[in-house]
């Protein structure tokens, strides 16, 4: 819950309040992003504020109702020595080998210099989307960092940890996606933290300095990494706004929605004058600095204020998404594509994330968003309880806990469906852990050596 609320505050809550109540913040965002944010009526503002506050509150209520009223158990930990030491190495090499093949097939070397220019950066990402298959993305996004975490926890040596992390980042760098690299670091760091300090009888005693270093220093390191990766794409002398490559791209665009202009009747207007644009763009250093610093605050906030405008007045609600399209029944909602086309109608394609309760709003309104928020809190608590009750988590148990933490972070910036079953969804990591755990149990039973000899 701490991770969910923290990510939600940084990526949505603060930015949404700024967009709704600060004209200067709105002007700065529109100039930097080039988004055509529609005007908001008073009804749109109220819906956005209700989603902003009711969603996290109901998640917390659902979570606490499980944690407080279900009895706590103490589960004995499994024997670490029973895990064969060669298994993590084989799993890591297999996932890395498959990822390397995918990158070679996609000519990933062409993306190495794309980070120096924002336009090239975006097109490198689109080229990867067009080349790699769904399960190749699953491997690169989730299985490679998961297997690296398994190797790091099973081996325990720092040089192995540094090498495995470097390989993960080197593989994901050509994808031209900051979020993927940061999430991989977060997953591995959470697994290490849980492996050391979690449980009724943790491996290492909890000290205040260590807690401060992990819980405060960790997010600061991730934020610094985000700033560095962002600066790479915007500091180049030729870096500019994203542009389509060809005229064919223009013909492939989604038909624009007919969103009424409210004019003076708007409660919040995103119209800006030319003098404001010239004033902001006159100082490049200041503009770039503001863009980088504000970028995390507006990752999902602009979508949070646009959904109430589009649904249901301009576009009717989608049907409730229960994932039946995976079985060939119906189609998945494309609200993230639709909202992107509203904000950037000149772009060939793109998607924008929104907190899960905002995405649920597009499938039935406020009642569904509130009910879904309560159920998400219940689900997170039920998923976390088995880990919380462990005496001392094993390597696989720590990776399971890390996947649940990353799932909570995803729910703060994306829909339930995307957080679980798209190519970067955590469900694939949970399935992979199930297979790894089964293999570990099988080979440990087949090993005739005593446990103390295997540990040695």
Protein backbone atom coordinates (compact mmCIF):
# COMPACT_ATOMS: atom_id res chain seq x y z
CA UNK A 1 0.00 0.00 0.00
CA UNK A 2 2.88 2.37 0.69
CA UNK A 3 4.25 1.76 -2.81
CA UNK A 4 0.82 2.17 -4.42
CA UNK A 5 0.06 5.43 -2.63
CA UNK A 6 3.58 6.81 -3.17
CA UNK A 7 3.58 6.12 -6.91
CA UNK A 8 0.04 7.50 -7.23
CA UNK A 9 0.95 10.72 -5.42
CA UNK A 10 4.02 11.36 -7.57
CA UNK A 11 2.72 10.34 -11.00
CA UNK A 12 -0.92 11.47 -10.80
CA UNK A 13 -2.21 13.23 -7.69
CA UNK A 14 0.12 16.24 -7.54
CA UNK A 15 0.06 16.76 -11.30
CA UNK A 16 -3.74 16.52 -11.49
CA UNK A 17 -4.19 19.16 -8.81
CA UNK A 18 -1.69 21.35 -10.65
CA UNK A 19 -3.52 20.97 -13.96
CA UNK A 20 -6.88 21.75 -12.35
CA UNK A 21 -5.96 24.67 -10.10
CA UNK A 22 -2.70 26.25 -11.34
CA UNK A 23 -2.81 28.24 -14.61
CA UNK A 24 0.99 28.51 -14.65
CA UNK A 25 1.36 24.74 -14.27
CA UNK A 26 -1.17 24.17 -17.09
CA UNK A 27 0.65 26.59 -19.39
CA UNK A 28 4.02 24.99 -18.71
CA UNK A 29 2.70 21.49 -19.35
CA UNK A 30 0.94 22.37 -22.60
CA UNK A 31 4.01 24.15 -23.99
CA UNK A 32 6.33 21.28 -23.19
CA UNK A 33 4.05 18.41 -24.21
CA UNK A 34 2.18 19.89 -27.17
CA UNK A 35 -0.99 18.19 -25.90
CA UNK A 36 -4.39 19.52 -27.00
CA UNK A 37 -6.12 19.07 -23.65
CA UNK A 38 -9.87 19.73 -23.95
CA UNK A 39 -11.67 22.25 -21.76
CA UNK A 40 -13.29 20.91 -18.58
CA UNK A 41 -16.75 21.69 -17.31
CA UNK A 42 -17.54 21.81 -13.60
CA UNK A 43 -18.97 18.29 -13.89
CA UNK A 44 -15.66 17.05 -15.41
CA UNK A 45 -13.67 18.67 -12.61
CA UNK A 46 -15.83 17.06 -9.91
CA UNK A 47 -15.59 13.61 -11.52
CA UNK A 48 -11.80 13.94 -11.81
CA UNK A 49 -11.54 14.93 -8.13
CA UNK A 50 -13.78 12.05 -7.03
CA UNK A 51 -11.68 9.54 -8.96
CA UNK A 52 -8.53 11.12 -7.59
CA UNK A 53 -9.55 10.75 -3.93
CA UNK A 54 -12.15 7.96 -3.73
CA UNK A 55 -10.04 5.40 -5.64
CA UNK A 56 -7.00 5.26 -3.33
CA UNK A 57 -9.19 5.59 -0.23
CA UNK A 58 -11.32 2.58 -1.20
CA UNK A 59 -8.20 0.57 -2.08
CA UNK A 60 -6.86 1.25 1.42
CA UNK A 61 -10.20 0.29 3.03
CA UNK A 62 -10.30 -3.00 1.14
CA UNK A 63 -6.67 -3.74 1.99
CA UNK A 64 -7.07 -2.99 5.70
CA UNK A 65 -10.28 -5.01 5.97
CA UNK A 66 -8.36 -8.15 4.99
CA UNK A 67 -5.21 -7.43 6.97
CA UNK A 68 -7.00 -6.55 10.19
CA UNK A 69 -9.75 -9.15 10.31
CA UNK A 70 -8.12 -12.30 8.93
CA UNK A 71 -5.93 -14.07 11.49
CA UNK A 72 -2.18 -13.90 11.06
CA UNK A 73 -0.32 -17.17 10.73
CA UNK A 74 3.32 -18.05 11.07
CA UNK A 75 4.56 -20.26 8.24
CA UNK A 76 7.90 -22.06 8.49
CA UNK A 77 10.36 -21.30 5.71
CA UNK A 78 11.64 -23.84 3.20
CA UNK A 79 15.22 -25.04 3.26
CA UNK A 80 17.36 -22.84 1.02
CA UNK A 81 19.96 -25.60 0.67
CA UNK A 82 17.52 -27.76 -1.29
CA UNK A 83 17.65 -25.43 -4.31
CA UNK A 84 20.28 -26.66 -6.81
CA UNK A 85 22.81 -23.92 -7.45
CA UNK A 86 22.97 -24.55 -11.19
CA UNK A 87 19.25 -23.91 -11.77
CA UNK A 88 19.32 -20.07 -11.43
CA UNK A 89 22.28 -19.90 -13.80
CA UNK A 90 20.57 -22.02 -16.44
CA UNK A 91 17.32 -20.02 -16.17
CA UNK A 92 19.19 -16.71 -16.46
CA UNK A 93 21.27 -17.82 -19.43
CA UNK A 94 18.17 -19.19 -21.19
CA UNK A 95 16.21 -15.95 -20.86
CA UNK A 96 19.21 -13.80 -21.80
CA UNK A 97 19.95 -15.99 -24.82
CA UNK A 98 16.35 -15.71 -26.04
CA UNK A 99 16.43 -11.94 -25.50
CA UNK A 100 19.71 -11.58 -27.39
CA UNK A 101 18.23 -13.49 -30.33
CA UNK A 102 15.21 -11.17 -30.33
CA UNK A 103 17.39 -8.06 -30.32
CA UNK A 104 19.57 -9.35 -33.14
CA UNK A 105 16.47 -10.15 -35.19
CA UNK A 106 15.15 -6.62 -34.60
CA UNK A 107 18.49 -4.91 -35.50
CA UNK A 108 18.60 -3.43 -32.02
CA UNK A 109 21.98 -1.81 -32.69
CA UNK A 110 20.09 0.87 -34.63
CA UNK A 111 18.51 2.05 -31.36
CA UNK A 112 21.73 2.62 -29.45
CA UNK A 113 22.05 6.26 -30.56
CA UNK A 114 18.32 6.99 -30.56
CA UNK A 115 18.39 8.22 -26.95
CA UNK A 116 20.20 11.38 -28.07
CA UNK A 117 17.13 12.71 -29.92
CA UNK A 118 13.54 12.51 -28.73
CA UNK A 119 12.06 11.98 -32.20
CA UNK A 120 14.48 9.13 -32.94
CA UNK A 121 13.84 7.75 -29.47
CA UNK A 122 10.09 7.43 -30.09
CA UNK A 123 10.52 5.92 -33.55
CA UNK A 124 13.04 3.38 -32.23
CA UNK A 125 10.42 2.27 -29.74
CA UNK A 126 7.76 1.97 -32.46
CA UNK A 127 10.14 -0.05 -34.63
CA UNK A 128 10.64 -2.52 -31.79
CA UNK A 129 6.87 -2.81 -31.34
CA UNK A 130 6.53 -3.69 -35.03
CA UNK A 131 9.28 -6.33 -34.99
CA UNK A 132 9.14 -8.32 -31.75
CA UNK A 133 6.34 -10.72 -30.89
CA UNK A 134 4.22 -10.63 -27.75
CA UNK A 135 6.14 -13.34 -25.88
CA UNK A 136 9.48 -11.88 -26.92
CA UNK A 137 8.41 -8.71 -25.10
CA UNK A 138 7.29 -10.83 -22.14
CA UNK A 139 10.76 -12.32 -21.96
CA UNK A 140 12.63 -9.02 -22.28
CA UNK A 141 10.27 -7.05 -20.02
CA UNK A 142 9.68 -9.54 -17.21
CA UNK A 143 11.49 -12.87 -17.46
CA UNK A 144 15.01 -11.48 -17.91
CA UNK A 145 14.93 -9.28 -14.75
CA UNK A 146 13.08 -12.01 -12.85
CA UNK A 147 15.72 -14.62 -13.68
CA UNK A 148 18.44 -12.09 -12.83
CA UNK A 149 16.85 -11.58 -9.41
CA UNK A 150 16.71 -15.36 -8.90
CA UNK A 151 20.40 -15.66 -9.75
CA UNK A 152 21.37 -12.74 -7.49
CA UNK A 153 19.49 -14.11 -4.46
CA UNK A 154 20.69 -17.69 -4.98
CA UNK A 155 24.34 -16.82 -5.55
CA UNK A 156 24.80 -14.01 -3.04
CA UNK A 157 28.02 -12.55 -4.46
CA UNK A 158 28.11 -8.83 -5.20
CA UNK A 159 30.04 -9.15 -8.43
CA UNK A 160 27.44 -11.60 -9.74
CA UNK A 161 24.69 -9.17 -8.75
CA UNK A 162 26.42 -6.26 -10.51
CA UNK A 163 27.03 -8.33 -13.63
CA UNK A 164 23.48 -9.66 -13.81
CA UNK A 165 21.99 -6.18 -13.38
CA UNK A 166 24.31 -4.76 -16.05
CA UNK A 167 23.24 -7.49 -18.49
CA UNK A 168 19.56 -6.77 -17.82
CA UNK A 169 19.96 -3.04 -18.49
CA UNK A 170 22.11 -3.66 -21.57
CA UNK A 171 19.39 -5.89 -23.04
CA UNK A 172 16.59 -3.43 -22.28
CA UNK A 173 18.43 -0.27 -23.38
CA UNK A 174 17.71 -0.74 -27.14
CA UNK A 175 13.98 -0.91 -26.40
CA UNK A 176 14.04 2.88 -25.84
CA UNK A 177 11.73 2.68 -22.83
CA UNK A 178 12.68 4.29 -19.55
CA UNK A 179 9.87 2.63 -17.61
CA UNK A 180 11.02 -0.89 -18.45
CA UNK A 181 14.55 -0.29 -17.18
CA UNK A 182 13.40 1.43 -13.98
CA UNK A 183 10.83 -1.29 -13.24
CA UNK A 184 13.52 -3.96 -13.65
CA UNK A 185 15.74 -2.19 -11.14
CA UNK A 186 12.75 -1.81 -8.79
CA UNK A 187 11.87 -5.51 -9.08
CA UNK A 188 15.39 -6.71 -8.32
CA UNK A 189 15.89 -4.18 -5.49
CA UNK A 190 12.59 -5.18 -3.84
CA UNK A 191 13.51 -8.87 -4.06
CA UNK A 192 16.89 -8.23 -2.39
CA UNK A 193 15.29 -6.10 0.32
CA UNK A 194 12.63 -8.70 1.10
CA UNK A 195 15.17 -11.55 1.06
CA UNK A 196 17.30 -9.78 3.67
CA UNK A 197 14.82 -8.09 5.98
CA UNK A 198 11.34 -9.61 5.59
CA UNK A 199 9.67 -12.32 7.68
CA UNK A 200 9.24 -13.25 11.31
CA UNK A 201 12.90 -14.28 11.50
CA UNK A 202 14.76 -12.17 8.87
CA UNK A 203 18.25 -13.01 7.70
CA UNK A 204 19.56 -9.63 8.84
CA UNK A 205 18.48 -7.51 11.78
CA UNK A 206 16.56 -4.37 10.94
CA UNK A 207 18.55 -1.20 11.58
CA UNK A 208 17.29 2.32 11.19
CA UNK A 209 20.14 3.42 8.92
CA UNK A 210 19.59 0.51 6.58
CA UNK A 211 15.85 1.17 6.47
CA UNK A 212 16.42 4.85 5.64
CA UNK A 213 18.95 3.94 2.95
CA UNK A 214 16.57 1.49 1.28
CA UNK A 215 13.21 3.21 1.71
CA UNK A 216 14.34 6.80 1.14
CA UNK A 217 17.52 6.40 -0.87
CA UNK A 218 16.04 3.81 -3.23
CA UNK A 219 13.31 6.06 -4.67
CA UNK A 220 15.80 8.92 -4.92
CA UNK A 221 18.17 6.74 -6.95
CA UNK A 222 15.31 5.73 -9.27
CA UNK A 223 14.28 9.37 -9.67
CA UNK A 224 17.86 10.39 -10.44
CA UNK A 225 18.06 7.60 -13.03
CA UNK A 226 14.79 8.80 -14.55
CA UNK A 227 16.14 12.36 -14.77
CA UNK A 228 19.32 11.15 -16.42
CA UNK A 229 17.50 9.03 -19.02
CA UNK A 230 15.11 11.90 -19.75
CA UNK A 231 17.90 14.43 -20.18
CA UNK A 232 19.54 12.14 -22.74
CA UNK A 233 16.53 12.52 -25.03
CA UNK A 234 15.98 16.29 -24.73
CA UNK A 235 19.42 17.90 -24.33
CA UNK A 236 20.60 17.30 -27.89
CA UNK A 237 20.78 20.45 -30.06
CA UNK A 238 18.46 18.91 -32.65
CA UNK A 239 16.02 17.42 -30.19
CA UNK A 240 12.44 18.50 -30.72
CA UNK A 241 8.85 17.40 -30.49
CA UNK A 242 7.77 14.04 -31.87
CA UNK A 243 6.91 14.07 -35.59
CA UNK A 244 5.46 11.44 -37.88
CA UNK A 245 7.73 10.02 -40.54
CA UNK A 246 5.56 9.84 -43.64
CA UNK A 247 2.31 11.03 -45.11
CA UNK A 248 1.01 7.46 -44.87
CA UNK A 249 1.19 7.83 -41.11
CA UNK A 250 -1.28 10.69 -41.29
CA UNK A 251 -3.78 8.56 -43.20
CA UNK A 252 -3.48 5.79 -40.58
CA UNK A 253 -4.56 8.03 -37.72
CA UNK A 254 -7.75 7.47 -35.75
CA UNK A 255 -10.66 9.68 -36.77
CA UNK A 256 -10.76 12.65 -34.36
CA UNK A 257 -13.55 12.87 -31.78
CA UNK A 258 -15.94 15.77 -31.90
CA UNK A 259 -15.25 17.33 -28.50
CA UNK A 260 -17.26 20.52 -27.94
CA UNK A 261 -15.36 23.69 -27.10
CA UNK A 262 -16.78 25.27 -23.96
CA UNK A 263 -15.18 28.69 -24.38
CA UNK A 264 -15.92 31.08 -21.53
CA UNK A 265 -18.24 28.48 -19.93
CA UNK A 266 -15.28 26.18 -19.18
CA UNK A 267 -14.41 25.65 -15.53
CA UNK A 268 -10.81 24.84 -16.53
CA UNK A 269 -9.41 25.97 -19.88
CA UNK A 270 -6.12 24.79 -21.40
CA UNK A 271 -5.93 27.54 -24.00
CA UNK A 272 -2.68 29.53 -23.86
CA UNK A 273 -1.55 32.63 -25.72
CA UNK A 274 1.51 33.09 -27.90
CA UNK A 275 3.25 35.34 -25.38
CA UNK A 276 3.26 32.56 -22.78
CA UNK A 277 4.77 30.16 -25.31
CA UNK A 278 7.48 32.65 -26.30
CA UNK A 279 8.31 33.43 -22.67
CA UNK A 280 8.82 29.78 -21.76
CA UNK A 281 10.74 28.86 -24.90
CA UNK A 282 13.07 31.85 -24.70
CA UNK A 283 15.22 30.21 -22.03
CA UNK A 284 16.16 26.71 -23.22
CA UNK A 285 18.07 25.70 -20.08
CA UNK A 286 15.19 26.68 -17.81
CA UNK A 287 12.66 25.03 -20.12
CA UNK A 288 14.53 21.73 -20.22
CA UNK A 289 15.02 21.78 -16.44
CA UNK A 290 11.32 22.39 -15.82
CA UNK A 291 10.34 19.71 -18.32
CA UNK A 292 12.53 17.10 -16.67
CA UNK A 293 11.44 17.99 -13.14
CA UNK A 294 7.72 18.10 -13.99
CA UNK A 295 7.69 15.07 -16.25
CA UNK A 296 7.10 12.46 -13.50
CA UNK A 297 4.23 14.54 -12.06
CA UNK A 298 2.31 14.52 -15.34
CA UNK A 299 2.79 10.90 -16.39
CA UNK A 300 -0.88 10.01 -15.83
CA UNK A 301 -2.41 13.25 -14.57
CA UNK A 302 -3.32 14.60 -18.02
CA UNK A 303 -5.19 11.37 -18.74
CA UNK A 304 -6.98 11.64 -15.37
CA UNK A 305 -8.45 15.02 -16.38
CA UNK A 306 -9.29 13.94 -19.95
CA UNK A 307 -11.26 10.74 -19.23
CA UNK A 308 -14.20 12.61 -17.62
CA UNK A 309 -14.44 14.86 -20.68
CA UNK A 310 -14.61 11.97 -23.15
CA UNK A 311 -16.75 9.49 -21.20
CA UNK A 312 -19.71 9.28 -21.51
CA UNK A 313 -20.63 12.58 -23.21
CA UNK A 314 -18.42 12.17 -26.28
CA UNK A 315 -17.89 8.40 -26.28
CA UNK A 316 -20.17 5.85 -24.53
CA UNK A 317 -18.75 3.65 -21.81
CA UNK A 318 -17.01 0.45 -22.83
CA UNK A 319 -18.24 -2.89 -21.60
CA UNK A 320 -16.66 -4.15 -18.41
CA UNK A 321 -13.36 -5.76 -19.33
CA UNK A 322 -12.97 -9.25 -17.88
CA UNK A 323 -10.33 -10.42 -20.36
CA UNK A 324 -12.55 -12.63 -22.50
CA UNK A 325 -10.81 -11.40 -25.66
CA UNK A 326 -7.87 -13.61 -24.62
CA UNK A 327 -10.20 -16.52 -25.42
CA UNK A 328 -11.29 -14.93 -28.68
CA UNK A 329 -14.52 -13.45 -27.30
CA UNK A 330 -15.02 -9.75 -27.93
CA UNK A 331 -12.33 -7.08 -27.98
CA UNK A 332 -10.30 -5.34 -25.32
CA UNK A 333 -11.06 -1.67 -24.51
CA UNK A 334 -8.79 0.75 -26.32
CA UNK A 335 -9.37 3.72 -24.02
CA UNK A 336 -5.63 4.38 -23.63
CA UNK A 337 -5.31 4.69 -27.42
CA UNK A 338 -8.45 6.82 -27.68
CA UNK A 339 -7.36 9.29 -25.00
CA UNK A 340 -3.92 9.57 -26.60
CA UNK A 341 -5.51 10.42 -29.96
CA UNK A 342 -7.53 13.17 -28.23
CA UNK A 343 -4.45 14.72 -26.65
CA UNK A 344 -2.10 14.32 -29.62
CA UNK A 345 -4.28 14.03 -32.73
CA UNK A 346 -1.35 14.67 -35.10
CA UNK A 347 0.59 11.62 -33.93
CA UNK A 348 0.52 8.42 -35.91
CA UNK A 349 -0.13 6.27 -32.85
CA UNK A 350 0.55 6.05 -29.17
CA UNK A 351 -0.97 5.14 -25.83
CA UNK A 352 -1.19 6.86 -22.48
CA UNK A 353 -1.64 5.23 -19.09
CA UNK A 354 -4.02 6.17 -16.33
CA UNK A 355 -4.51 4.87 -12.77
CA UNK A 356 -6.64 1.76 -12.71
CA UNK A 357 -9.71 3.51 -11.23
CA UNK A 358 -9.67 6.06 -14.06
CA UNK A 359 -9.53 3.25 -16.64
CA UNK A 360 -12.41 1.50 -14.84
CA UNK A 361 -14.42 4.72 -15.07
CA UNK A 362 -14.40 4.39 -18.87
CA UNK A 363 -16.13 1.00 -18.52
CA UNK A 364 -19.13 1.99 -16.43
CA UNK A 365 -18.72 5.26 -14.59
CA UNK A 366 -18.08 6.20 -10.98
CA UNK A 367 -19.89 3.22 -9.40
CA UNK A 368 -17.66 0.74 -11.25
CA UNK A 369 -14.52 2.72 -10.42
CA UNK A 370 -15.43 2.72 -6.71
CA UNK A 371 -16.38 -0.97 -6.63
CA UNK A 372 -13.25 -1.91 -8.55
CA UNK A 373 -11.07 0.12 -6.17
CA UNK A 374 -12.46 -1.77 -3.19
CA UNK A 375 -11.90 -5.12 -4.92
CA UNK A 376 -8.35 -4.17 -5.88
CA UNK A 377 -7.59 -3.45 -2.22
CA UNK A 378 -8.99 -6.83 -1.25
CA UNK A 379 -7.00 -8.57 -3.99
CA UNK A 380 -3.71 -6.91 -3.07
CA UNK A 381 -4.16 -7.89 0.57
CA UNK A 382 -5.01 -11.52 -0.27
CA UNK A 383 -1.98 -11.69 -2.57
CA UNK A 384 0.30 -10.19 0.07
CA UNK A 385 -0.86 -12.27 3.08
CA UNK A 386 0.99 -15.50 2.12
CA UNK A 387 4.23 -13.55 1.93
CA UNK A 388 3.56 -11.58 5.11
CA UNK A 389 3.06 -14.78 7.11
CA UNK A 390 6.37 -16.36 6.08
CA UNK A 391 8.94 -17.04 8.76
CA UNK A 392 11.76 -16.29 6.31
CA UNK A 393 11.17 -15.96 2.54
CA UNK A 394 13.21 -18.06 0.15
CA UNK A 395 14.60 -16.66 -3.09
CA UNK A 396 11.43 -17.61 -4.97
CA UNK A 397 9.26 -16.28 -2.14
CA UNK A 398 11.12 -12.96 -2.19
CA UNK A 399 10.63 -12.68 -5.94
CA UNK A 400 6.91 -13.36 -5.44
CA UNK A 401 6.73 -10.53 -2.92
CA UNK A 402 8.62 -8.23 -5.28
CA UNK A 403 6.17 -9.01 -8.09
CA UNK A 404 3.23 -8.04 -5.85
CA UNK A 405 4.96 -4.76 -4.94
CA UNK A 406 5.60 -3.96 -8.61
CA UNK A 407 1.98 -4.88 -9.37
CA UNK A 408 0.89 -2.27 -6.82
CA UNK A 409 3.12 0.30 -8.54
CA UNK A 410 1.64 -0.60 -11.93
CA UNK A 411 -1.93 -0.23 -10.67
CA UNK A 412 -1.13 3.37 -9.73
CA UNK A 413 -0.24 4.19 -13.36
CA UNK A 414 -2.11 1.66 -15.50
CA UNK A 415 -5.27 -0.42 -15.82
CA UNK A 416 -5.85 -3.72 -14.05
CA UNK A 417 -5.67 -5.59 -17.34
CA UNK A 418 -2.38 -4.04 -18.41
CA UNK A 419 -0.86 -4.51 -14.96
CA UNK A 420 -1.57 -8.23 -15.15
CA UNK A 421 -1.68 -9.73 -18.64
CA UNK A 422 -0.10 -7.47 -21.26
CA UNK A 423 3.52 -8.13 -22.21
CA UNK A 424 4.85 -6.35 -19.12
CA UNK A 425 2.10 -7.69 -16.83
CA UNK A 426 3.02 -9.32 -13.55
CA UNK A 427 0.91 -12.43 -14.21
CA UNK A 428 3.62 -13.75 -16.54
CA UNK A 429 6.20 -13.39 -13.79
CA UNK A 430 3.98 -15.32 -11.38
CA UNK A 431 3.56 -18.11 -13.95
CA UNK A 432 7.32 -18.23 -14.50
CA UNK A 433 7.93 -18.44 -10.74
CA UNK A 434 5.55 -21.40 -10.59
CA UNK A 435 7.60 -23.29 -13.19
CA UNK A 436 10.90 -22.34 -11.53
CA UNK A 437 9.60 -23.49 -8.14
CA UNK A 438 8.42 -26.81 -9.60
CA UNK A 439 11.81 -27.35 -11.25
CA UNK A 440 13.63 -26.52 -8.01
CA UNK A 441 11.53 -29.03 -6.05
CA UNK A 442 12.03 -31.71 -8.69
CA UNK A 443 15.79 -31.40 -8.91
CA UNK A 444 16.25 -31.07 -5.17
CA UNK A 445 14.43 -34.38 -4.64
CA UNK A 446 16.53 -35.99 -7.35
CA UNK A 447 19.78 -34.81 -5.75
CA UNK A 448 21.18 -37.65 -3.58
CA UNK A 449 23.62 -35.42 -1.64
CA UNK A 450 22.71 -34.41 1.90
CA UNK A 451 21.50 -30.86 2.42
CA UNK A 452 24.64 -29.70 4.26
CA UNK A 453 26.88 -30.90 1.37
CA UNK A 454 24.75 -29.08 -1.20
CA UNK A 455 24.97 -25.93 0.90
CA UNK A 456 28.74 -26.29 1.10
